[in-house]
Protein backbone atom coordinates (compact mmCIF):
# COMPACT_ATOMS: atom_id res chain seq x y z
CA UNK A 1 0.00 0.00 0.00
CA UNK A 2 1.47 3.35 -1.02
CA UNK A 3 1.85 6.33 1.28
CA UNK A 4 -0.96 8.15 -0.50
CA UNK A 5 -3.27 5.15 -0.10
CA UNK A 6 -2.56 5.03 3.65
CA UNK A 7 -3.31 8.76 3.93
CA UNK A 8 -6.55 8.28 2.01
CA UNK A 9 -7.64 5.44 4.30
CA UNK A 10 -6.82 7.55 7.36
CA UNK A 11 -8.83 10.50 6.03
CA UNK A 12 -11.81 8.31 5.15
CA UNK A 13 -11.78 6.87 8.68
CA UNK A 14 -11.91 10.42 10.06
CA UNK A 15 -14.83 11.26 7.76
CA UNK A 16 -16.71 8.19 8.97
CA UNK A 17 -16.08 9.17 12.58
CA UNK A 18 -17.41 12.69 11.94
CA UNK A 19 -20.44 11.20 10.19
CA UNK A 20 -21.12 9.08 13.27
CA UNK A 21 -20.82 12.15 15.47
CA UNK A 22 -23.29 14.05 13.28
CA UNK A 23 -25.71 11.13 13.44
CA UNK A 24 -25.44 11.27 17.24
CA UNK A 25 -26.36 14.97 17.08
CA UNK A 26 -29.37 14.15 14.91
CA UNK A 27 -30.52 11.40 17.29
CA UNK A 28 -30.11 13.81 20.20
CA UNK A 29 -32.26 16.44 18.49
CA UNK A 30 -34.94 13.93 17.54
CA UNK A 31 -35.03 12.59 21.12
CA UNK A 32 -35.23 16.14 22.45
CA UNK A 33 -32.28 15.57 24.76
CA UNK A 34 -30.80 18.14 27.10
CA UNK A 35 -29.23 21.19 25.39
CA UNK A 36 -26.01 20.70 27.34
CA UNK A 37 -25.62 17.19 25.91
CA UNK A 38 -26.31 18.49 22.41
CA UNK A 39 -23.68 21.19 22.82
CA UNK A 40 -21.14 18.59 23.90
CA UNK A 41 -21.92 16.51 20.82
CA UNK A 42 -21.60 19.57 18.60
CA UNK A 43 -18.25 20.44 20.16
CA UNK A 44 -17.06 16.92 19.34
CA UNK A 45 -18.19 17.37 15.72
CA UNK A 46 -16.35 20.69 15.50
CA UNK A 47 -13.21 19.07 16.90
CA UNK A 48 -13.51 16.23 14.40
CA UNK A 49 -13.90 18.62 11.47
CA UNK A 50 -10.93 20.71 12.64
CA UNK A 51 -8.86 17.56 12.98
CA UNK A 52 -9.85 16.42 9.48
CA UNK A 53 -9.02 19.84 8.08
CA UNK A 54 -5.64 19.76 9.81
CA UNK A 55 -4.84 16.36 8.30
CA UNK A 56 -5.83 17.45 4.79
CA UNK A 57 -3.79 20.66 5.09
CA UNK A 58 -0.78 18.78 6.44
CA UNK A 59 -0.97 16.26 3.60
CA UNK A 60 -1.27 19.09 1.09
CA UNK A 61 1.75 20.89 2.51
CA UNK A 62 3.89 17.75 2.69
CA UNK A 63 3.06 16.35 -0.74
CA UNK A 64 2.30 19.41 -2.84
CA UNK A 65 4.51 22.12 -1.40
CA UNK A 66 7.55 20.13 -0.30
CA UNK A 67 7.93 16.90 -2.29
CA UNK A 68 6.15 17.31 -5.59
CA UNK A 69 5.86 21.03 -6.22
CA UNK A 70 7.50 22.94 -9.02
CA UNK A 71 8.54 25.60 -6.53
CA UNK A 72 9.33 23.69 -3.36
CA UNK A 73 9.52 25.20 0.08
CA UNK A 74 12.09 24.20 2.68
CA UNK A 75 11.05 21.27 4.91
CA UNK A 76 11.63 23.43 8.00
CA UNK A 77 9.24 26.05 6.65
CA UNK A 78 6.68 23.33 5.91
CA UNK A 79 6.90 22.08 9.51
CA UNK A 80 6.45 25.64 10.81
CA UNK A 81 3.42 26.08 8.56
CA UNK A 82 1.92 22.77 9.74
CA UNK A 83 2.44 23.77 13.39
CA UNK A 84 0.80 27.13 12.73
CA UNK A 85 -2.23 25.55 11.05
CA UNK A 86 -2.66 23.01 13.85
CA UNK A 87 -2.45 25.75 16.50
CA UNK A 88 -5.04 27.81 14.62
CA UNK A 89 -7.46 24.88 14.35
CA UNK A 90 -7.43 24.12 18.10
PDB file of N, CA and C in Angstrom:
ATOM      1  N   UNK A   1       0.852  -1.176   0.000  1.00  0.00           N
ATOM      2  CA  UNK A   1       0.000   0.000   0.000  1.00  0.00           C
ATOM      3  C   UNK A   1       0.900   1.242   0.000  1.00  0.00           C
ATOM      4  N   UNK A   2       0.645   2.145  -0.917  1.00  0.00           N
ATOM      5  CA  UNK A   2       1.468   3.347  -1.018  1.00  0.00           C
ATOM      6  C   UNK A   2       1.138   4.330   0.099  1.00  0.00           C
ATOM      7  N   UNK A   3       2.034   5.300   0.246  1.00  0.00           N
ATOM      8  CA  UNK A   3       1.849   6.328   1.281  1.00  0.00           C
ATOM      9  C   UNK A   3       0.549   7.097   1.052  1.00  0.00           C
ATOM     10  N   UNK A   4       0.265   7.404  -0.198  1.00  0.00           N
ATOM     11  CA  UNK A   4      -0.963   8.148  -0.497  1.00  0.00           C
ATOM     12  C   UNK A   4      -2.202   7.316  -0.176  1.00  0.00           C
ATOM     13  N   UNK A   5      -2.134   6.012  -0.416  1.00  0.00           N
ATOM     14  CA  UNK A   5      -3.270   5.148  -0.100  1.00  0.00           C
ATOM     15  C   UNK A   5      -3.507   5.099   1.406  1.00  0.00           C
ATOM     16  N   UNK A   6      -2.426   5.035   2.189  1.00  0.00           N
ATOM     17  CA  UNK A   6      -2.563   5.029   3.649  1.00  0.00           C
ATOM     18  C   UNK A   6      -3.177   6.336   4.135  1.00  0.00           C
ATOM     19  N   UNK A   7      -2.742   7.448   3.549  1.00  0.00           N
ATOM     20  CA  UNK A   7      -3.308   8.755   3.930  1.00  0.00           C
ATOM     21  C   UNK A   7      -4.793   8.814   3.592  1.00  0.00           C
ATOM     22  N   UNK A   8      -5.150   8.281   2.436  1.00  0.00           N
ATOM     23  CA  UNK A   8      -6.548   8.284   2.010  1.00  0.00           C
ATOM     24  C   UNK A   8      -7.396   7.457   2.980  1.00  0.00           C
ATOM     25  N   UNK A   9      -6.908   6.289   3.359  1.00  0.00           N
ATOM     26  CA  UNK A   9      -7.637   5.442   4.303  1.00  0.00           C
ATOM     27  C   UNK A   9      -7.820   6.171   5.629  1.00  0.00           C
ATOM     28  N   UNK A  10      -6.757   6.824   6.100  1.00  0.00           N
ATOM     29  CA  UNK A  10      -6.819   7.553   7.364  1.00  0.00           C
ATOM     30  C   UNK A  10      -7.850   8.685   7.297  1.00  0.00           C
ATOM     31  N   UNK A  11      -7.866   9.403   6.186  1.00  0.00           N
ATOM     32  CA  UNK A  11      -8.826  10.502   6.033  1.00  0.00           C
ATOM     33  C   UNK A  11     -10.260   9.980   5.960  1.00  0.00           C
ATOM     34  N   UNK A  12     -10.459   8.884   5.249  1.00  0.00           N
ATOM     35  CA  UNK A  12     -11.805   8.308   5.151  1.00  0.00           C
ATOM     36  C   UNK A  12     -12.292   7.814   6.510  1.00  0.00           C
ATOM     37  N   UNK A  13     -11.399   7.286   7.326  1.00  0.00           N
ATOM     38  CA  UNK A  13     -11.776   6.870   8.679  1.00  0.00           C
ATOM     39  C   UNK A  13     -12.220   8.083   9.496  1.00  0.00           C
ATOM     40  N   UNK A  14     -11.522   9.201   9.340  1.00  0.00           N
ATOM     41  CA  UNK A  14     -11.912  10.423  10.058  1.00  0.00           C
ATOM     42  C   UNK A  14     -13.277  10.914   9.597  1.00  0.00           C
ATOM     43  N   UNK A  15     -13.531  10.842   8.296  1.00  0.00           N
ATOM     44  CA  UNK A  15     -14.827  11.264   7.761  1.00  0.00           C
ATOM     45  C   UNK A  15     -15.938  10.393   8.340  1.00  0.00           C
ATOM     46  N   UNK A  16     -15.695   9.093   8.408  1.00  0.00           N
ATOM     47  CA  UNK A  16     -16.710   8.188   8.966  1.00  0.00           C
ATOM     48  C   UNK A  16     -16.962   8.486  10.443  1.00  0.00           C
ATOM     49  N   UNK A  17     -15.918   8.825  11.169  1.00  0.00           N
ATOM     50  CA  UNK A  17     -16.082   9.170  12.580  1.00  0.00           C
ATOM     51  C   UNK A  17     -16.923  10.437  12.725  1.00  0.00           C
ATOM     52  N   UNK A  18     -16.630  11.446  11.903  1.00  0.00           N
ATOM     53  CA  UNK A  18     -17.409  12.694  11.945  1.00  0.00           C
ATOM     54  C   UNK A  18     -18.862  12.411  11.567  1.00  0.00           C
ATOM     55  N   UNK A  19     -19.071  11.557  10.580  1.00  0.00           N
ATOM     56  CA  UNK A  19     -20.437  11.197  10.186  1.00  0.00           C
ATOM     57  C   UNK A  19     -21.178  10.569  11.373  1.00  0.00           C
ATOM     58  N   UNK A  20     -20.513   9.690  12.090  1.00  0.00           N
ATOM     59  CA  UNK A  20     -21.119   9.084  13.273  1.00  0.00           C
ATOM     60  C   UNK A  20     -21.452  10.120  14.339  1.00  0.00           C
ATOM     61  N   UNK A  21     -20.566  11.082  14.504  1.00  0.00           N
ATOM     62  CA  UNK A  21     -20.818  12.152  15.473  1.00  0.00           C
ATOM     63  C   UNK A  21     -22.025  12.989  15.061  1.00  0.00           C
ATOM     64  N   UNK A  22     -22.137  13.286  13.771  1.00  0.00           N
ATOM     65  CA  UNK A  22     -23.293  14.051  13.282  1.00  0.00           C
ATOM     66  C   UNK A  22     -24.587  13.261  13.454  1.00  0.00           C
ATOM     67  N   UNK A  23     -24.522  11.962  13.230  1.00  0.00           N
ATOM     68  CA  UNK A  23     -25.708  11.134  13.437  1.00  0.00           C
ATOM     69  C   UNK A  23     -26.116  11.140  14.903  1.00  0.00           C
ATOM     70  N   UNK A  24     -25.140  11.178  15.807  1.00  0.00           N
ATOM     71  CA  UNK A  24     -25.444  11.270  17.235  1.00  0.00           C
ATOM     72  C   UNK A  24     -26.138  12.596  17.551  1.00  0.00           C
ATOM     73  N   UNK A  25     -25.703  13.675  16.902  1.00  0.00           N
ATOM     74  CA  UNK A  25     -26.362  14.974  17.083  1.00  0.00           C
ATOM     75  C   UNK A  25     -27.810  14.887  16.601  1.00  0.00           C
ATOM     76  N   UNK A  26     -28.012  14.291  15.442  1.00  0.00           N
ATOM     77  CA  UNK A  26     -29.366  14.155  14.907  1.00  0.00           C
ATOM     78  C   UNK A  26     -30.255  13.336  15.857  1.00  0.00           C
ATOM     79  N   UNK A  27     -29.741  12.218  16.347  1.00  0.00           N
ATOM     80  CA  UNK A  27     -30.521  11.402  17.289  1.00  0.00           C
ATOM     81  C   UNK A  27     -30.854  12.192  18.552  1.00  0.00           C
ATOM     82  N   UNK A  28     -29.903  12.988  19.005  1.00  0.00           N
ATOM     83  CA  UNK A  28     -30.111  13.806  20.205  1.00  0.00           C
ATOM     84  C   UNK A  28     -31.214  14.843  19.982  1.00  0.00           C
ATOM     85  N   UNK A  29     -31.221  15.447  18.802  1.00  0.00           N
ATOM     86  CA  UNK A  29     -32.255  16.442  18.493  1.00  0.00           C
ATOM     87  C   UNK A  29     -33.624  15.786  18.363  1.00  0.00           C
ATOM     88  N   UNK A  30     -33.677  14.637  17.707  1.00  0.00           N
ATOM     89  CA  UNK A  30     -34.942  13.925  17.543  1.00  0.00           C
ATOM     90  C   UNK A  30     -35.489  13.501  18.902  1.00  0.00           C
ATOM     91  N   UNK A  31     -34.605  13.061  19.791  1.00  0.00           N
ATOM     92  CA  UNK A  31     -35.026  12.595  21.115  1.00  0.00           C
ATOM     93  C   UNK A  31     -35.265  13.741  22.089  1.00  0.00           C
ATOM     94  N   UNK A  32     -35.026  14.944  21.621  1.00  0.00           N
ATOM     95  CA  UNK A  32     -35.226  16.135  22.451  1.00  0.00           C
ATOM     96  C   UNK A  32     -34.430  16.058  23.756  1.00  0.00           C
ATOM     97  N   UNK A  33     -33.157  15.680  23.602  1.00  0.00           N
ATOM     98  CA  UNK A  33     -32.280  15.567  24.763  1.00  0.00           C
ATOM     99  C   UNK A  33     -31.883  16.943  25.282  1.00  0.00           C
ATOM    100  N   UNK A  34     -31.245  16.926  26.431  1.00  0.00           N
ATOM    101  CA  UNK A  34     -30.795  18.142  27.102  1.00  0.00           C
ATOM    102  C   UNK A  34     -29.870  18.966  26.193  1.00  0.00           C
ATOM    103  N   UNK A  35     -30.041  20.284  26.214  1.00  0.00           N
ATOM    104  CA  UNK A  35     -29.229  21.188  25.387  1.00  0.00           C
ATOM    105  C   UNK A  35     -27.741  21.050  25.693  1.00  0.00           C
ATOM    106  N   UNK A  36     -27.413  20.850  26.968  1.00  0.00           N
ATOM    107  CA  UNK A  36     -26.011  20.696  27.336  1.00  0.00           C
ATOM    108  C   UNK A  36     -25.381  19.493  26.661  1.00  0.00           C
ATOM    109  N   UNK A  37     -26.120  18.392  26.593  1.00  0.00           N
ATOM    110  CA  UNK A  37     -25.620  17.193  25.908  1.00  0.00           C
ATOM    111  C   UNK A  37     -25.456  17.453  24.411  1.00  0.00           C
ATOM    112  N   UNK A  38     -26.404  18.168  23.837  1.00  0.00           N
ATOM    113  CA  UNK A  38     -26.315  18.490  22.409  1.00  0.00           C
ATOM    114  C   UNK A  38     -25.105  19.370  22.121  1.00  0.00           C
ATOM    115  N   UNK A  39     -24.847  20.319  23.004  1.00  0.00           N
ATOM    116  CA  UNK A  39     -23.684  21.190  22.818  1.00  0.00           C
ATOM    117  C   UNK A  39     -22.379  20.403  22.901  1.00  0.00           C
ATOM    118  N   UNK A  40     -22.336  19.432  23.787  1.00  0.00           N
ATOM    119  CA  UNK A  40     -21.142  18.590  23.898  1.00  0.00           C
ATOM    120  C   UNK A  40     -20.932  17.780  22.615  1.00  0.00           C
ATOM    121  N   UNK A  41     -22.012  17.250  22.074  1.00  0.00           N
ATOM    122  CA  UNK A  41     -21.917  16.505  20.819  1.00  0.00           C
ATOM    123  C   UNK A  41     -21.457  17.412  19.680  1.00  0.00           C
ATOM    124  N   UNK A  42     -21.994  18.620  19.642  1.00  0.00           N
ATOM    125  CA  UNK A  42     -21.602  19.571  18.596  1.00  0.00           C
ATOM    126  C   UNK A  42     -20.138  19.973  18.733  1.00  0.00           C
ATOM    127  N   UNK A  43     -19.663  20.113  19.950  1.00  0.00           N
ATOM    128  CA  UNK A  43     -18.248  20.440  20.162  1.00  0.00           C
ATOM    129  C   UNK A  43     -17.367  19.304  19.656  1.00  0.00           C
ATOM    130  N   UNK A  44     -17.811  18.069  19.849  1.00  0.00           N
ATOM    131  CA  UNK A  44     -17.057  16.923  19.337  1.00  0.00           C
ATOM    132  C   UNK A  44     -17.014  16.928  17.812  1.00  0.00           C
ATOM    133  N   UNK A  45     -18.145  17.281  17.191  1.00  0.00           N
ATOM    134  CA  UNK A  45     -18.185  17.373  15.721  1.00  0.00           C
ATOM    135  C   UNK A  45     -17.218  18.447  15.233  1.00  0.00           C
ATOM    136  N   UNK A  46     -17.250  19.596  15.890  1.00  0.00           N
ATOM    137  CA  UNK A  46     -16.346  20.686  15.503  1.00  0.00           C
ATOM    138  C   UNK A  46     -14.892  20.245  15.635  1.00  0.00           C
ATOM    139  N   UNK A  47     -14.564  19.571  16.715  1.00  0.00           N
ATOM    140  CA  UNK A  47     -13.207  19.069  16.895  1.00  0.00           C
ATOM    141  C   UNK A  47     -12.827  18.067  15.819  1.00  0.00           C
ATOM    142  N   UNK A  48     -13.766  17.210  15.459  1.00  0.00           N
ATOM    143  CA  UNK A  48     -13.511  16.233  14.403  1.00  0.00           C
ATOM    144  C   UNK A  48     -13.278  16.888  13.054  1.00  0.00           C
ATOM    145  N   UNK A  49     -14.064  17.892  12.744  1.00  0.00           N
ATOM    146  CA  UNK A  49     -13.897  18.622  11.472  1.00  0.00           C
ATOM    147  C   UNK A  49     -12.560  19.356  11.463  1.00  0.00           C
ATOM    148  N   UNK A  50     -12.221  20.010  12.562  1.00  0.00           N
ATOM    149  CA  UNK A  50     -10.933  20.708  12.639  1.00  0.00           C
ATOM    150  C   UNK A  50      -9.769  19.739  12.487  1.00  0.00           C
ATOM    151  N   UNK A  51      -9.895  18.572  13.092  1.00  0.00           N
ATOM    152  CA  UNK A  51      -8.855  17.557  12.978  1.00  0.00           C
ATOM    153  C   UNK A  51      -8.726  17.072  11.533  1.00  0.00           C
ATOM    154  N   UNK A  52      -9.851  16.838  10.888  1.00  0.00           N
ATOM    155  CA  UNK A  52      -9.846  16.422   9.484  1.00  0.00           C
ATOM    156  C   UNK A  52      -9.215  17.504   8.612  1.00  0.00           C
ATOM    157  N   UNK A  53      -9.580  18.744   8.843  1.00  0.00           N
ATOM    158  CA  UNK A  53      -9.017  19.844   8.075  1.00  0.00           C
ATOM    159  C   UNK A  53      -7.501  19.927   8.286  1.00  0.00           C
ATOM    160  N   UNK A  54      -7.076  19.746   9.519  1.00  0.00           N
ATOM    161  CA  UNK A  54      -5.637  19.757   9.806  1.00  0.00           C
ATOM    162  C   UNK A  54      -4.899  18.674   9.063  1.00  0.00           C
ATOM    163  N   UNK A  55      -5.477  17.476   9.017  1.00  0.00           N
ATOM    164  CA  UNK A  55      -4.839  16.362   8.303  1.00  0.00           C
ATOM    165  C   UNK A  55      -4.746  16.644   6.810  1.00  0.00           C
ATOM    166  N   UNK A  56      -5.831  17.157   6.234  1.00  0.00           N
ATOM    167  CA  UNK A  56      -5.832  17.454   4.792  1.00  0.00           C
ATOM    168  C   UNK A  56      -4.808  18.546   4.476  1.00  0.00           C
ATOM    169  N   UNK A  57      -4.767  19.587   5.307  1.00  0.00           N
ATOM    170  CA  UNK A  57      -3.791  20.660   5.087  1.00  0.00           C
ATOM    171  C   UNK A  57      -2.361  20.155   5.245  1.00  0.00           C
ATOM    172  N   UNK A  58      -2.123  19.326   6.251  1.00  0.00           N
ATOM    173  CA  UNK A  58      -0.779  18.785   6.439  1.00  0.00           C
ATOM    174  C   UNK A  58      -0.361  17.939   5.245  1.00  0.00           C
ATOM    175  N   UNK A  59      -1.263  17.087   4.778  1.00  0.00           N
ATOM    176  CA  UNK A  59      -0.965  16.262   3.603  1.00  0.00           C
ATOM    177  C   UNK A  59      -0.683  17.145   2.395  1.00  0.00           C
ATOM    178  N   UNK A  60      -1.483  18.176   2.210  1.00  0.00           N
ATOM    179  CA  UNK A  60      -1.268  19.094   1.085  1.00  0.00           C
ATOM    180  C   UNK A  60       0.112  19.747   1.171  1.00  0.00           C
ATOM    181  N   UNK A  61       0.444  20.227   2.341  1.00  0.00           N
ATOM    182  CA  UNK A  61       1.747  20.894   2.514  1.00  0.00           C
ATOM    183  C   UNK A  61       2.879  19.917   2.244  1.00  0.00           C
ATOM    184  N   UNK A  62       2.802  18.734   2.827  1.00  0.00           N
ATOM    185  CA  UNK A  62       3.888  17.752   2.685  1.00  0.00           C
ATOM    186  C   UNK A  62       4.066  17.264   1.257  1.00  0.00           C
ATOM    187  N   UNK A  63       2.960  17.005   0.563  1.00  0.00           N
ATOM    188  CA  UNK A  63       3.057  16.349  -0.740  1.00  0.00           C
ATOM    189  C   UNK A  63       2.938  17.286  -1.933  1.00  0.00           C
ATOM    190  N   UNK A  64       2.456  18.497  -1.709  1.00  0.00           N
ATOM    191  CA  UNK A  64       2.304  19.409  -2.844  1.00  0.00           C
ATOM    192  C   UNK A  64       3.184  20.642  -2.737  1.00  0.00           C
ATOM    193  N   UNK A  65       3.647  20.948  -1.542  1.00  0.00           N
ATOM    194  CA  UNK A  65       4.511  22.120  -1.398  1.00  0.00           C
ATOM    195  C   UNK A  65       5.958  21.741  -1.107  1.00  0.00           C
ATOM    196  N   UNK A  66       6.194  20.526  -0.640  1.00  0.00           N
ATOM    197  CA  UNK A  66       7.554  20.131  -0.299  1.00  0.00           C
ATOM    198  C   UNK A  66       8.088  19.127  -1.309  1.00  0.00           C
ATOM    199  N   UNK A  67       7.407  17.993  -1.471  1.00  0.00           N
ATOM    200  CA  UNK A  67       7.933  16.904  -2.285  1.00  0.00           C
ATOM    201  C   UNK A  67       7.697  17.062  -3.781  1.00  0.00           C
ATOM    202  N   UNK A  68       6.473  17.382  -4.178  1.00  0.00           N
ATOM    203  CA  UNK A  68       6.154  17.307  -5.588  1.00  0.00           C
ATOM    204  C   UNK A  68       5.917  18.627  -6.285  1.00  0.00           C
ATOM    205  N   UNK A  69       6.183  19.724  -5.638  1.00  0.00           N
ATOM    206  CA  UNK A  69       5.860  21.028  -6.222  1.00  0.00           C
ATOM    207  C   UNK A  69       6.941  21.502  -7.173  1.00  0.00           C
ATOM    208  N   UNK A  70       6.535  22.314  -8.113  1.00  0.00           N
ATOM    209  CA  UNK A  70       7.502  22.942  -9.017  1.00  0.00           C
ATOM    210  C   UNK A  70       8.410  23.888  -8.245  1.00  0.00           C
ATOM    211  N   UNK A  71       7.786  24.674  -7.379  1.00  0.00           N
ATOM    212  CA  UNK A  71       8.541  25.597  -6.525  1.00  0.00           C
ATOM    213  C   UNK A  71       8.427  25.101  -5.093  1.00  0.00           C
ATOM    214  N   UNK A  72       9.385  24.310  -4.680  1.00  0.00           N
ATOM    215  CA  UNK A  72       9.333  23.687  -3.363  1.00  0.00           C
ATOM    216  C   UNK A  72       9.699  24.684  -2.267  1.00  0.00           C
ATOM    217  N   UNK A  73       9.129  24.425  -1.091  1.00  0.00           N
ATOM    218  CA  UNK A  73       9.517  25.202   0.084  1.00  0.00           C
ATOM    219  C   UNK A  73      10.400  24.314   0.957  1.00  0.00           C
ATOM    220  N   UNK A  74      11.173  24.934   1.801  1.00  0.00           N
ATOM    221  CA  UNK A  74      12.090  24.196   2.676  1.00  0.00           C
ATOM    222  C   UNK A  74      11.287  23.342   3.656  1.00  0.00           C
ATOM    223  N   UNK A  75      11.767  22.138   3.952  1.00  0.00           N
ATOM    224  CA  UNK A  75      11.052  21.272   4.905  1.00  0.00           C
ATOM    225  C   UNK A  75      10.833  21.934   6.262  1.00  0.00           C
ATOM    226  N   UNK A  76      11.780  22.741   6.717  1.00  0.00           N
ATOM    227  CA  UNK A  76      11.626  23.425   7.998  1.00  0.00           C
ATOM    228  C   UNK A  76      10.464  24.412   7.939  1.00  0.00           C
ATOM    229  N   UNK A  77      10.340  25.115   6.831  1.00  0.00           N
ATOM    230  CA  UNK A  77       9.239  26.050   6.649  1.00  0.00           C
ATOM    231  C   UNK A  77       7.911  25.299   6.603  1.00  0.00           C
ATOM    232  N   UNK A  78       7.895  24.143   5.972  1.00  0.00           N
ATOM    233  CA  UNK A  78       6.684  23.328   5.913  1.00  0.00           C
ATOM    234  C   UNK A  78       6.263  22.907   7.314  1.00  0.00           C
ATOM    235  N   UNK A  79       7.221  22.487   8.142  1.00  0.00           N
ATOM    236  CA  UNK A  79       6.904  22.081   9.511  1.00  0.00           C
ATOM    237  C   UNK A  79       6.357  23.260  10.311  1.00  0.00           C
ATOM    238  N   UNK A  80       6.946  24.436  10.129  1.00  0.00           N
ATOM    239  CA  UNK A  80       6.454  25.637  10.808  1.00  0.00           C
ATOM    240  C   UNK A  80       5.017  25.954  10.382  1.00  0.00           C
ATOM    241  N   UNK A  81       4.752  25.819   9.091  1.00  0.00           N
ATOM    242  CA  UNK A  81       3.416  26.077   8.562  1.00  0.00           C
ATOM    243  C   UNK A  81       2.412  25.072   9.123  1.00  0.00           C
ATOM    244  N   UNK A  82       2.792  23.811   9.190  1.00  0.00           N
ATOM    245  CA  UNK A  82       1.919  22.774   9.742  1.00  0.00           C
ATOM    246  C   UNK A  82       1.619  23.068  11.211  1.00  0.00           C
ATOM    247  N   UNK A  83       2.636  23.429  11.974  1.00  0.00           N
ATOM    248  CA  UNK A  83       2.444  23.771  13.392  1.00  0.00           C
ATOM    249  C   UNK A  83       1.493  24.958  13.546  1.00  0.00           C
ATOM    250  N   UNK A  84       1.656  25.951  12.690  1.00  0.00           N
ATOM    251  CA  UNK A  84       0.800  27.131  12.735  1.00  0.00           C
ATOM    252  C   UNK A  84      -0.650  26.767  12.441  1.00  0.00           C
ATOM    253  N   UNK A  85      -0.869  25.972  11.426  1.00  0.00           N
ATOM    254  CA  UNK A  85      -2.229  25.554  11.051  1.00  0.00           C
ATOM    255  C   UNK A  85      -2.861  24.764  12.182  1.00  0.00           C
ATOM    256  N   UNK A  86      -2.109  23.831  12.752  1.00  0.00           N
ATOM    257  CA  UNK A  86      -2.656  23.010  13.846  1.00  0.00           C
ATOM    258  C   UNK A  86      -3.002  23.886  15.060  1.00  0.00           C
ATOM    259  N   UNK A  87      -2.160  24.853  15.370  1.00  0.00           N
ATOM    260  CA  UNK A  87      -2.446  25.751  16.496  1.00  0.00           C
ATOM    261  C   UNK A  87      -3.711  26.571  16.211  1.00  0.00           C
ATOM    262  N   UNK A  88      -3.875  27.010  14.995  1.00  0.00           N
ATOM    263  CA  UNK A  88      -5.042  27.809  14.624  1.00  0.00           C
ATOM    264  C   UNK A  88      -6.333  26.994  14.726  1.00  0.00           C
ATOM    265  N   UNK A  89      -6.270  25.712  14.382  1.00  0.00           N
ATOM    266  CA  UNK A  89      -7.464  24.879  14.354  1.00  0.00           C
ATOM    267  C   UNK A  89      -7.881  24.378  15.732  1.00  0.00           C
ATOM    268  N   UNK A  90      -7.061  24.593  16.744  1.00  0.00           N
ATOM    269  CA  UNK A  90      -7.426  24.121  18.100  1.00  0.00           C
ATOM    270  C   UNK A  90      -8.370  25.064  18.767  1.00  0.00           C
TER     271      UNK A  90
END
